[in-house]
Amino acid sequence: KGRMHTIVLGPGKQFHTHRGHLSHDDLIGMPDGSTITNTAGVEYLALRPLLADYVMSMPRGAAVIYPKDASQIVMMADMFPGAVVVEAGVGSGALTMSPLRAVGDHGRLYSSERRDEFAQIARANVEAFFGAPHPAWQLTVADLVEGLTGPDAGIGPASIDRVVLDMLAPWECLDAVAQVLLPGGVLIAYVDTATQLSRV
């Protein structure tokens, strides 16, 4: 019926539905696109989740940026392999994975999140999707302004290619962003209301 179920495979585990169950052991080691039949004769097609699938089913602490918006952000910011990007307001890490894909292993994504509990969820989600810590990602639990201009920031003036602000008051960070964004760089402010947009 086109229903999708996202599961994390584990030895000895089972996936149960109201129409039977299947053993994870029967899937572990099988190539993508394999089919498996459960105990009730229902056939499933097993695929590694696409990024959009993963974002829609991953654990959340904060509201997520949906794939259609994440793709537009990456495109409008013109993120490219090797780019150095700053992201503020990590939430559950839904947007984070798209810039990481865009900048690749040789780029850099500096992510800043004020709330430690959100940062922990984001780290777990990103590492689960990529299978390990991403080599281009640095996540900091801090206020963005302090992270960009503080004594331990490590980010020089005019050294950032792209900045994405997903927060309640992005206008509070514009002076700090102006110091680190290189000439011709791109700033994206993702806001929910016309009032916020007007203030930005």
N, C-alpha and C. Protein backbone atom coordinates (compact mmCIF):
# COMPACT_ATOMS: atom_id res chain seq x y z
N LYS A 1 0.82 -1.21 0.00
CA LYS A 1 0.00 0.00 0.00
C LYS A 1 0.86 1.26 0.00
N GLY A 2 2.15 1.11 -0.19
CA GLY A 2 3.02 2.28 -0.23
C GLY A 2 3.45 2.77 1.13
N ARG A 3 3.12 2.04 2.19
CA ARG A 3 3.54 2.46 3.53
C ARG A 3 5.02 2.17 3.72
N MET A 4 5.70 3.12 4.37
CA MET A 4 7.11 2.90 4.66
C MET A 4 7.31 2.83 6.16
N HIS A 5 8.21 1.96 6.57
CA HIS A 5 8.58 1.81 7.97
C HIS A 5 10.09 1.97 8.06
N THR A 6 10.54 2.85 8.94
CA THR A 6 11.97 3.04 9.13
C THR A 6 12.39 2.29 10.38
N ILE A 7 13.34 1.38 10.21
CA ILE A 7 13.83 0.61 11.36
C ILE A 7 15.36 0.62 11.34
N VAL A 8 15.94 0.49 12.53
CA VAL A 8 17.38 0.33 12.66
C VAL A 8 17.62 -1.15 12.92
N LEU A 9 18.34 -1.79 12.01
CA LEU A 9 18.55 -3.23 12.13
C LEU A 9 19.49 -3.56 13.28
N GLY A 10 19.16 -4.63 13.99
CA GLY A 10 20.00 -5.11 15.09
C GLY A 10 19.92 -6.62 15.17
N PRO A 11 21.04 -7.29 15.39
CA PRO A 11 21.03 -8.76 15.47
C PRO A 11 20.05 -9.26 16.52
N GLY A 12 19.27 -10.26 16.14
CA GLY A 12 18.33 -10.88 17.07
C GLY A 12 17.02 -10.13 17.24
N LYS A 13 16.87 -8.96 16.61
CA LYS A 13 15.64 -8.18 16.78
C LYS A 13 14.60 -8.57 15.74
N GLN A 14 13.36 -8.13 15.99
CA GLN A 14 12.27 -8.39 15.06
C GLN A 14 11.49 -7.09 14.83
N PHE A 15 10.88 -7.00 13.64
CA PHE A 15 10.01 -5.87 13.32
C PHE A 15 8.58 -6.40 13.26
N HIS A 16 7.70 -5.88 14.14
CA HIS A 16 6.33 -6.35 14.25
C HIS A 16 5.35 -5.33 13.69
N THR A 17 4.34 -5.81 12.98
CA THR A 17 3.20 -4.99 12.57
C THR A 17 1.94 -5.79 12.90
N HIS A 18 0.78 -5.21 12.64
CA HIS A 18 -0.47 -5.95 12.86
C HIS A 18 -0.64 -7.07 11.83
N ARG A 19 0.27 -7.11 10.85
CA ARG A 19 0.20 -8.16 9.82
C ARG A 19 1.46 -9.01 9.84
N GLY A 20 1.86 -9.47 11.02
CA GLY A 20 3.00 -10.37 11.13
C GLY A 20 4.28 -9.65 11.49
N HIS A 21 5.36 -10.44 11.56
CA HIS A 21 6.65 -9.85 11.90
C HIS A 21 7.74 -10.46 11.01
N LEU A 22 8.89 -9.78 11.00
CA LEU A 22 10.05 -10.29 10.28
C LEU A 22 11.27 -10.15 11.16
N SER A 23 12.25 -10.98 10.88
CA SER A 23 13.48 -11.00 11.66
C SER A 23 14.51 -10.08 11.04
N HIS A 24 15.14 -9.26 11.86
CA HIS A 24 16.22 -8.39 11.36
C HIS A 24 17.36 -9.23 10.79
N ASP A 25 17.60 -10.39 11.38
CA ASP A 25 18.71 -11.23 10.92
C ASP A 25 18.56 -11.63 9.45
N ASP A 26 17.31 -11.72 8.98
CA ASP A 26 17.08 -12.07 7.58
C ASP A 26 17.44 -10.93 6.64
N LEU A 27 17.55 -9.71 7.16
CA LEU A 27 17.89 -8.54 6.33
C LEU A 27 19.35 -8.13 6.46
N ILE A 28 19.94 -8.36 7.62
CA ILE A 28 21.32 -7.91 7.86
C ILE A 28 22.25 -8.58 6.84
N GLY A 29 23.03 -7.76 6.16
CA GLY A 29 23.96 -8.26 5.16
C GLY A 29 23.39 -8.36 3.75
N MET A 30 22.09 -8.19 3.61
CA MET A 30 21.46 -8.26 2.29
C MET A 30 21.68 -6.93 1.56
N PRO A 31 21.78 -6.96 0.23
CA PRO A 31 21.97 -5.71 -0.52
C PRO A 31 20.69 -4.88 -0.54
N ASP A 32 20.84 -3.56 -0.76
CA ASP A 32 19.69 -2.69 -0.92
C ASP A 32 18.81 -3.22 -2.05
N GLY A 33 17.50 -3.12 -1.87
CA GLY A 33 16.56 -3.58 -2.87
C GLY A 33 16.15 -5.03 -2.71
N SER A 34 16.62 -5.66 -1.63
CA SER A 34 16.21 -7.04 -1.37
C SER A 34 14.77 -7.06 -0.90
N THR A 35 14.09 -8.17 -1.14
CA THR A 35 12.74 -8.34 -0.62
C THR A 35 12.75 -9.41 0.45
N ILE A 36 11.83 -9.26 1.39
CA ILE A 36 11.71 -10.20 2.48
C ILE A 36 10.23 -10.41 2.76
N THR A 37 9.88 -11.61 3.12
CA THR A 37 8.49 -11.94 3.41
C THR A 37 8.35 -12.19 4.90
N ASN A 38 7.34 -11.56 5.53
CA ASN A 38 7.16 -11.73 6.97
C ASN A 38 6.37 -13.01 7.26
N THR A 39 6.08 -13.22 8.54
CA THR A 39 5.42 -14.45 8.97
C THR A 39 4.00 -14.61 8.43
N ALA A 40 3.38 -13.52 7.98
CA ALA A 40 2.03 -13.60 7.44
C ALA A 40 2.02 -13.60 5.91
N GLY A 41 3.20 -13.69 5.31
CA GLY A 41 3.28 -13.72 3.86
C GLY A 41 3.30 -12.36 3.20
N VAL A 42 3.42 -11.28 3.98
CA VAL A 42 3.49 -9.92 3.42
C VAL A 42 4.92 -9.66 2.98
N GLU A 43 5.06 -9.19 1.74
CA GLU A 43 6.40 -8.95 1.19
C GLU A 43 6.80 -7.49 1.38
N TYR A 44 8.05 -7.28 1.78
CA TYR A 44 8.59 -5.93 1.98
C TYR A 44 9.81 -5.75 1.09
N LEU A 45 9.96 -4.56 0.55
CA LEU A 45 11.15 -4.16 -0.19
C LEU A 45 12.02 -3.36 0.77
N ALA A 46 13.25 -3.82 0.97
CA ALA A 46 14.14 -3.18 1.95
C ALA A 46 15.16 -2.29 1.25
N LEU A 47 15.14 -1.00 1.61
CA LEU A 47 16.05 -0.02 1.04
C LEU A 47 16.65 0.83 2.15
N ARG A 48 17.89 1.24 1.94
CA ARG A 48 18.48 2.20 2.86
C ARG A 48 17.71 3.51 2.71
N PRO A 49 17.34 4.18 3.81
CA PRO A 49 16.50 5.37 3.66
C PRO A 49 17.21 6.51 2.93
N LEU A 50 16.46 7.19 2.08
CA LEU A 50 16.95 8.41 1.47
C LEU A 50 17.01 9.48 2.56
N LEU A 51 17.78 10.52 2.34
CA LEU A 51 17.88 11.58 3.33
C LEU A 51 16.51 12.14 3.69
N ALA A 52 15.65 12.35 2.70
CA ALA A 52 14.31 12.89 2.96
C ALA A 52 13.49 11.93 3.82
N ASP A 53 13.62 10.62 3.57
CA ASP A 53 12.92 9.62 4.38
C ASP A 53 13.41 9.66 5.82
N TYR A 54 14.73 9.73 5.96
CA TYR A 54 15.33 9.72 7.29
C TYR A 54 14.89 10.93 8.11
N VAL A 55 14.92 12.11 7.48
CA VAL A 55 14.53 13.34 8.19
C VAL A 55 13.10 13.25 8.70
N MET A 56 12.22 12.65 7.91
CA MET A 56 10.81 12.59 8.30
C MET A 56 10.55 11.58 9.41
N SER A 57 11.48 10.66 9.66
CA SER A 57 11.23 9.62 10.66
C SER A 57 12.20 9.66 11.84
N MET A 58 13.20 10.53 11.82
CA MET A 58 14.22 10.53 12.87
C MET A 58 13.67 11.12 14.18
N PRO A 59 14.31 10.81 15.31
CA PRO A 59 13.89 11.40 16.58
C PRO A 59 14.00 12.92 16.56
N ARG A 60 13.06 13.58 17.23
CA ARG A 60 13.03 15.04 17.22
C ARG A 60 13.00 15.60 18.63
N GLY A 61 13.71 16.68 18.81
CA GLY A 61 13.62 17.45 20.04
C GLY A 61 12.95 18.78 19.73
N ALA A 62 13.28 19.31 18.56
CA ALA A 62 12.71 20.57 18.08
C ALA A 62 12.05 20.30 16.75
N ALA A 63 11.22 21.22 16.31
CA ALA A 63 10.59 21.09 14.99
C ALA A 63 11.70 21.03 13.93
N VAL A 64 11.45 20.27 12.88
CA VAL A 64 12.47 20.10 11.86
C VAL A 64 12.17 20.96 10.64
N ILE A 65 13.22 21.27 9.89
CA ILE A 65 13.06 21.89 8.58
C ILE A 65 12.81 20.73 7.61
N TYR A 66 11.69 20.77 6.92
CA TYR A 66 11.31 19.68 6.04
C TYR A 66 12.18 19.66 4.79
N PRO A 67 12.29 18.49 4.15
CA PRO A 67 13.19 18.35 2.99
C PRO A 67 12.96 19.38 1.89
N LYS A 68 11.71 19.75 1.60
CA LYS A 68 11.48 20.73 0.53
C LYS A 68 12.10 22.09 0.88
N ASP A 69 12.07 22.46 2.16
CA ASP A 69 12.69 23.73 2.57
C ASP A 69 14.21 23.60 2.64
N ALA A 70 14.69 22.46 3.14
CA ALA A 70 16.14 22.24 3.22
C ALA A 70 16.78 22.30 1.83
N SER A 71 16.12 21.69 0.85
CA SER A 71 16.67 21.71 -0.51
C SER A 71 16.69 23.12 -1.07
N GLN A 72 15.67 23.90 -0.77
CA GLN A 72 15.64 25.28 -1.25
C GLN A 72 16.72 26.11 -0.57
N ILE A 73 16.96 25.87 0.72
CA ILE A 73 18.01 26.60 1.43
C ILE A 73 19.38 26.30 0.83
N VAL A 74 19.66 25.02 0.59
CA VAL A 74 20.95 24.63 0.00
C VAL A 74 21.11 25.25 -1.38
N MET A 75 20.03 25.24 -2.17
CA MET A 75 20.10 25.79 -3.52
C MET A 75 20.24 27.31 -3.50
N MET A 76 19.42 28.00 -2.69
CA MET A 76 19.48 29.46 -2.66
C MET A 76 20.79 29.97 -2.07
N ALA A 77 21.37 29.20 -1.16
CA ALA A 77 22.66 29.58 -0.59
C ALA A 77 23.81 29.19 -1.52
N ASP A 78 23.52 28.41 -2.55
CA ASP A 78 24.53 27.96 -3.50
C ASP A 78 25.69 27.28 -2.78
N MET A 79 25.35 26.34 -1.89
CA MET A 79 26.39 25.58 -1.18
C MET A 79 27.08 24.65 -2.16
N PHE A 80 28.38 24.49 -1.98
CA PHE A 80 29.18 23.74 -2.96
C PHE A 80 30.24 22.91 -2.23
N PRO A 81 30.79 21.89 -2.90
CA PRO A 81 31.83 21.07 -2.27
C PRO A 81 33.02 21.94 -1.87
N GLY A 82 33.44 21.80 -0.62
CA GLY A 82 34.56 22.57 -0.11
C GLY A 82 34.17 23.88 0.54
N ALA A 83 32.90 24.25 0.50
CA ALA A 83 32.45 25.52 1.10
C ALA A 83 32.59 25.47 2.62
N VAL A 84 32.74 26.65 3.20
CA VAL A 84 32.75 26.81 4.65
C VAL A 84 31.44 27.50 5.02
N VAL A 85 30.63 26.80 5.81
CA VAL A 85 29.27 27.24 6.11
C VAL A 85 29.07 27.33 7.61
N VAL A 86 28.31 28.35 8.03
CA VAL A 86 27.89 28.48 9.43
C VAL A 86 26.38 28.28 9.47
N GLU A 87 25.95 27.46 10.42
CA GLU A 87 24.52 27.21 10.63
C GLU A 87 24.20 27.51 12.09
N ALA A 88 23.16 28.27 12.33
CA ALA A 88 22.77 28.57 13.70
C ALA A 88 21.32 28.17 13.91
N GLY A 89 21.09 27.46 15.01
CA GLY A 89 19.79 26.90 15.29
C GLY A 89 19.72 25.50 14.71
N VAL A 90 20.42 24.55 15.32
CA VAL A 90 20.55 23.20 14.78
C VAL A 90 19.29 22.37 15.01
N GLY A 91 18.61 22.62 16.12
CA GLY A 91 17.40 21.85 16.43
C GLY A 91 17.69 20.37 16.48
N SER A 92 16.98 19.57 15.70
CA SER A 92 17.16 18.12 15.68
C SER A 92 18.15 17.65 14.63
N GLY A 93 18.74 18.57 13.87
CA GLY A 93 19.75 18.22 12.88
C GLY A 93 19.20 17.94 11.49
N ALA A 94 17.93 18.21 11.25
CA ALA A 94 17.33 17.90 9.95
C ALA A 94 17.99 18.69 8.82
N LEU A 95 18.17 20.00 9.01
CA LEU A 95 18.82 20.80 7.98
C LEU A 95 20.31 20.48 7.89
N THR A 96 20.93 20.22 9.02
CA THR A 96 22.38 20.01 9.10
C THR A 96 22.88 19.00 8.07
N MET A 97 22.13 17.94 7.86
CA MET A 97 22.59 16.88 6.97
C MET A 97 22.67 17.32 5.51
N SER A 98 21.81 18.24 5.10
CA SER A 98 21.84 18.71 3.71
C SER A 98 23.10 19.55 3.41
N PRO A 99 23.45 20.55 4.24
CA PRO A 99 24.72 21.24 4.00
C PRO A 99 25.94 20.32 4.10
N LEU A 100 25.89 19.33 5.00
CA LEU A 100 27.02 18.40 5.08
C LEU A 100 27.18 17.63 3.78
N ARG A 101 26.08 17.22 3.19
CA ARG A 101 26.14 16.55 1.89
C ARG A 101 26.70 17.51 0.84
N ALA A 102 26.29 18.78 0.89
CA ALA A 102 26.70 19.75 -0.13
C ALA A 102 28.18 20.10 -0.02
N VAL A 103 28.69 20.33 1.19
CA VAL A 103 30.09 20.76 1.35
C VAL A 103 31.06 19.59 1.23
N GLY A 104 30.58 18.37 1.49
CA GLY A 104 31.43 17.19 1.37
C GLY A 104 32.45 17.09 2.48
N ASP A 105 33.31 16.10 2.38
CA ASP A 105 34.31 15.84 3.42
C ASP A 105 35.38 16.93 3.51
N HIS A 106 35.56 17.71 2.43
CA HIS A 106 36.63 18.71 2.42
C HIS A 106 36.13 20.12 2.70
N GLY A 107 34.82 20.28 2.88
CA GLY A 107 34.28 21.56 3.28
C GLY A 107 34.25 21.64 4.80
N ARG A 108 33.47 22.59 5.31
CA ARG A 108 33.36 22.75 6.76
C ARG A 108 31.98 23.28 7.08
N LEU A 109 31.33 22.68 8.09
CA LEU A 109 30.06 23.20 8.60
C LEU A 109 30.21 23.45 10.08
N TYR A 110 30.14 24.73 10.46
CA TYR A 110 30.15 25.12 11.87
C TYR A 110 28.71 25.31 12.29
N SER A 111 28.23 24.46 13.20
CA SER A 111 26.86 24.55 13.67
C SER A 111 26.83 25.01 15.11
N SER A 112 25.90 25.90 15.40
CA SER A 112 25.77 26.46 16.75
C SER A 112 24.34 26.25 17.23
N GLU A 113 24.21 25.70 18.44
CA GLU A 113 22.90 25.46 19.05
C GLU A 113 22.97 25.88 20.51
N ARG A 114 22.01 26.69 20.95
CA ARG A 114 21.99 27.18 22.33
C ARG A 114 21.63 26.10 23.34
N ARG A 115 20.76 25.17 22.96
CA ARG A 115 20.23 24.19 23.91
C ARG A 115 20.96 22.86 23.79
N ASP A 116 21.57 22.45 24.88
CA ASP A 116 22.36 21.22 24.90
C ASP A 116 21.53 19.99 24.54
N GLU A 117 20.27 19.94 25.02
CA GLU A 117 19.46 18.75 24.74
C GLU A 117 19.17 18.63 23.24
N PHE A 118 18.99 19.76 22.55
CA PHE A 118 18.79 19.72 21.10
C PHE A 118 20.09 19.30 20.40
N ALA A 119 21.20 19.84 20.87
CA ALA A 119 22.50 19.49 20.26
C ALA A 119 22.77 17.99 20.36
N GLN A 120 22.41 17.40 21.50
CA GLN A 120 22.64 15.96 21.66
C GLN A 120 21.78 15.15 20.70
N ILE A 121 20.52 15.55 20.53
CA ILE A 121 19.63 14.86 19.58
C ILE A 121 20.16 15.03 18.16
N ALA A 122 20.58 16.25 17.82
CA ALA A 122 21.10 16.51 16.47
C ALA A 122 22.35 15.67 16.21
N ARG A 123 23.26 15.62 17.17
CA ARG A 123 24.48 14.84 16.98
C ARG A 123 24.15 13.37 16.74
N ALA A 124 23.24 12.82 17.54
CA ALA A 124 22.85 11.42 17.38
C ALA A 124 22.20 11.17 16.02
N ASN A 125 21.34 12.08 15.58
CA ASN A 125 20.67 11.92 14.29
C ASN A 125 21.66 11.98 13.12
N VAL A 126 22.55 12.95 13.16
CA VAL A 126 23.53 13.12 12.08
C VAL A 126 24.47 11.92 12.02
N GLU A 127 24.95 11.48 13.17
CA GLU A 127 25.89 10.35 13.19
C GLU A 127 25.20 9.05 12.81
N ALA A 128 23.92 8.91 13.15
CA ALA A 128 23.18 7.71 12.74
C ALA A 128 23.01 7.69 11.23
N PHE A 129 22.74 8.84 10.62
CA PHE A 129 22.55 8.87 9.17
C PHE A 129 23.85 8.61 8.43
N PHE A 130 24.93 9.27 8.83
CA PHE A 130 26.20 9.12 8.13
C PHE A 130 26.98 7.88 8.58
N GLY A 131 26.56 7.27 9.70
CA GLY A 131 27.22 6.07 10.19
C GLY A 131 28.42 6.34 11.07
N ALA A 132 28.76 7.60 11.27
CA ALA A 132 29.92 7.99 12.08
C ALA A 132 29.92 9.51 12.17
N PRO A 133 30.75 10.09 13.04
CA PRO A 133 30.88 11.55 13.04
C PRO A 133 31.34 12.04 11.66
N HIS A 134 30.69 13.10 11.16
CA HIS A 134 31.06 13.62 9.84
C HIS A 134 32.33 14.45 9.96
N PRO A 135 33.34 14.22 9.09
CA PRO A 135 34.62 14.92 9.23
C PRO A 135 34.55 16.43 9.00
N ALA A 136 33.50 16.91 8.36
CA ALA A 136 33.39 18.35 8.07
C ALA A 136 32.58 19.11 9.11
N TRP A 137 32.07 18.41 10.13
CA TRP A 137 31.11 19.04 11.03
C TRP A 137 31.70 19.36 12.39
N GLN A 138 31.45 20.59 12.82
CA GLN A 138 31.79 21.01 14.19
C GLN A 138 30.54 21.59 14.83
N LEU A 139 30.04 20.91 15.86
CA LEU A 139 28.84 21.35 16.58
C LEU A 139 29.25 21.96 17.91
N THR A 140 28.76 23.16 18.16
CA THR A 140 29.07 23.87 19.40
C THR A 140 27.78 24.25 20.10
N VAL A 141 27.74 24.01 21.43
CA VAL A 141 26.61 24.46 22.23
C VAL A 141 26.96 25.85 22.74
N ALA A 142 26.42 26.85 22.05
CA ALA A 142 26.77 28.23 22.39
C ALA A 142 25.84 29.17 21.64
N ASP A 143 25.86 30.40 22.07
CA ASP A 143 25.20 31.47 21.35
C ASP A 143 26.03 31.76 20.09
N LEU A 144 25.37 32.00 18.96
CA LEU A 144 26.10 32.19 17.71
C LEU A 144 27.06 33.37 17.76
N VAL A 145 26.64 34.50 18.32
CA VAL A 145 27.50 35.68 18.34
C VAL A 145 28.79 35.37 19.09
N GLU A 146 28.67 34.70 20.24
CA GLU A 146 29.86 34.31 21.01
C GLU A 146 30.71 33.32 20.20
N GLY A 147 30.03 32.40 19.52
CA GLY A 147 30.74 31.40 18.72
C GLY A 147 31.49 32.00 17.54
N LEU A 148 30.98 33.08 16.98
CA LEU A 148 31.63 33.70 15.83
C LEU A 148 32.71 34.71 16.21
N THR A 149 32.48 35.45 17.29
CA THR A 149 33.38 36.57 17.59
C THR A 149 34.08 36.45 18.94
N GLY A 150 33.75 35.40 19.71
CA GLY A 150 34.38 35.23 21.03
C GLY A 150 35.86 34.91 20.92
N PRO A 151 36.57 34.95 22.06
CA PRO A 151 38.02 34.73 22.05
C PRO A 151 38.43 33.33 21.58
N ASP A 152 37.54 32.34 21.72
CA ASP A 152 37.87 30.97 21.31
C ASP A 152 37.18 30.57 20.01
N ALA A 153 36.70 31.55 19.27
CA ALA A 153 35.90 31.24 18.08
C ALA A 153 36.70 30.51 17.01
N GLY A 154 37.90 30.94 16.75
CA GLY A 154 38.71 30.31 15.72
C GLY A 154 38.25 30.58 14.30
N ILE A 155 37.33 31.52 14.14
CA ILE A 155 36.83 31.88 12.80
C ILE A 155 37.32 33.29 12.50
N GLY A 156 38.10 33.42 11.46
CA GLY A 156 38.66 34.72 11.12
C GLY A 156 37.70 35.58 10.35
N PRO A 157 38.00 36.87 10.24
CA PRO A 157 37.14 37.76 9.46
C PRO A 157 37.14 37.36 7.98
N ALA A 158 36.00 37.53 7.34
CA ALA A 158 35.83 37.25 5.92
C ALA A 158 36.32 35.86 5.54
N SER A 159 35.94 34.83 6.35
CA SER A 159 36.40 33.47 6.09
C SER A 159 35.27 32.47 5.85
N ILE A 160 34.02 32.94 5.91
CA ILE A 160 32.87 32.05 5.78
C ILE A 160 32.18 32.30 4.44
N ASP A 161 31.88 31.22 3.71
CA ASP A 161 31.23 31.34 2.40
C ASP A 161 29.73 31.55 2.50
N ARG A 162 29.09 30.82 3.43
CA ARG A 162 27.63 30.84 3.53
C ARG A 162 27.22 30.81 5.00
N VAL A 163 26.11 31.47 5.32
CA VAL A 163 25.56 31.48 6.68
C VAL A 163 24.06 31.20 6.59
N VAL A 164 23.59 30.27 7.42
CA VAL A 164 22.16 29.96 7.50
C VAL A 164 21.70 30.18 8.93
N LEU A 165 20.73 31.08 9.12
CA LEU A 165 20.20 31.38 10.45
C LEU A 165 18.78 30.85 10.55
N ASP A 166 18.58 29.88 11.41
CA ASP A 166 17.26 29.31 11.67
C ASP A 166 16.98 29.53 13.16
N MET A 167 16.50 30.71 13.49
CA MET A 167 16.31 31.10 14.89
C MET A 167 15.21 32.13 14.99
N LEU A 168 14.79 32.41 16.22
CA LEU A 168 13.69 33.34 16.44
C LEU A 168 14.05 34.78 16.07
N ALA A 169 15.29 35.18 16.38
CA ALA A 169 15.68 36.58 16.17
C ALA A 169 17.01 36.68 15.42
N PRO A 170 17.02 36.32 14.14
CA PRO A 170 18.28 36.34 13.40
C PRO A 170 18.91 37.72 13.28
N TRP A 171 18.10 38.78 13.39
CA TRP A 171 18.64 40.13 13.29
C TRP A 171 19.65 40.44 14.40
N GLU A 172 19.57 39.71 15.52
CA GLU A 172 20.52 39.93 16.61
C GLU A 172 21.93 39.47 16.24
N CYS A 173 22.06 38.68 15.20
CA CYS A 173 23.36 38.09 14.82
C CYS A 173 23.98 38.75 13.60
N LEU A 174 23.29 39.69 12.98
CA LEU A 174 23.76 40.21 11.69
C LEU A 174 25.11 40.92 11.78
N ASP A 175 25.37 41.65 12.85
CA ASP A 175 26.67 42.32 12.97
C ASP A 175 27.81 41.30 13.05
N ALA A 176 27.60 40.25 13.83
CA ALA A 176 28.62 39.22 13.95
C ALA A 176 28.81 38.49 12.62
N VAL A 177 27.71 38.20 11.93
CA VAL A 177 27.79 37.52 10.64
C VAL A 177 28.54 38.40 9.63
N ALA A 178 28.28 39.70 9.67
CA ALA A 178 28.94 40.62 8.73
C ALA A 178 30.46 40.58 8.88
N GLN A 179 30.94 40.30 10.07
CA GLN A 179 32.40 40.24 10.29
C GLN A 179 33.03 39.01 9.66
N VAL A 180 32.30 37.88 9.64
CA VAL A 180 32.91 36.63 9.18
C VAL A 180 32.56 36.26 7.74
N LEU A 181 31.48 36.80 7.20
CA LEU A 181 31.05 36.45 5.85
C LEU A 181 31.96 37.14 4.83
N LEU A 182 32.48 36.36 3.91
CA LEU A 182 33.39 36.95 2.94
C LEU A 182 32.62 37.75 1.90
N PRO A 183 33.27 38.69 1.22
CA PRO A 183 32.58 39.47 0.19
C PRO A 183 32.01 38.53 -0.88
N GLY A 184 30.75 38.72 -1.22
CA GLY A 184 30.09 37.84 -2.17
C GLY A 184 29.50 36.59 -1.54
N GLY A 185 29.65 36.46 -0.23
CA GLY A 185 29.07 35.32 0.48
C GLY A 185 27.55 35.45 0.54
N VAL A 186 26.89 34.39 1.00
CA VAL A 186 25.43 34.38 1.01
C VAL A 186 24.91 34.16 2.43
N LEU A 187 23.91 34.94 2.80
CA LEU A 187 23.23 34.81 4.09
C LEU A 187 21.79 34.37 3.82
N ILE A 188 21.37 33.32 4.51
CA ILE A 188 19.98 32.86 4.45
C ILE A 188 19.40 32.96 5.85
N ALA A 189 18.27 33.64 5.99
CA ALA A 189 17.55 33.68 7.27
C ALA A 189 16.23 32.96 7.06
N TYR A 190 16.05 31.86 7.78
CA TYR A 190 14.83 31.05 7.66
C TYR A 190 13.91 31.45 8.80
N VAL A 191 12.83 32.16 8.47
CA VAL A 191 11.90 32.66 9.49
C VAL A 191 10.46 32.24 9.16
N ASP A 192 9.61 32.27 10.18
CA ASP A 192 8.24 31.78 10.03
C ASP A 192 7.21 32.86 9.73
N THR A 193 7.47 34.08 10.14
CA THR A 193 6.42 35.10 10.07
C THR A 193 6.88 36.33 9.28
N ALA A 194 5.91 37.06 8.78
CA ALA A 194 6.20 38.30 8.05
C ALA A 194 6.83 39.34 8.98
N THR A 195 6.44 39.31 10.24
CA THR A 195 7.03 40.25 11.21
C THR A 195 8.53 40.00 11.34
N GLN A 196 8.93 38.72 11.46
CA GLN A 196 10.34 38.39 11.54
C GLN A 196 11.06 38.81 10.25
N LEU A 197 10.45 38.52 9.12
CA LEU A 197 11.06 38.85 7.84
C LEU A 197 11.27 40.36 7.73
N SER A 198 10.29 41.13 8.15
CA SER A 198 10.41 42.59 8.12
C SER A 198 11.54 43.07 9.01
N ARG A 199 11.68 42.47 10.19
CA ARG A 199 12.73 42.86 11.13
C ARG A 199 14.11 42.52 10.57
N VAL A 200 14.23 41.35 9.93
CA VAL A 200 15.51 40.98 9.33
C VAL A 200 15.88 42.00 8.26
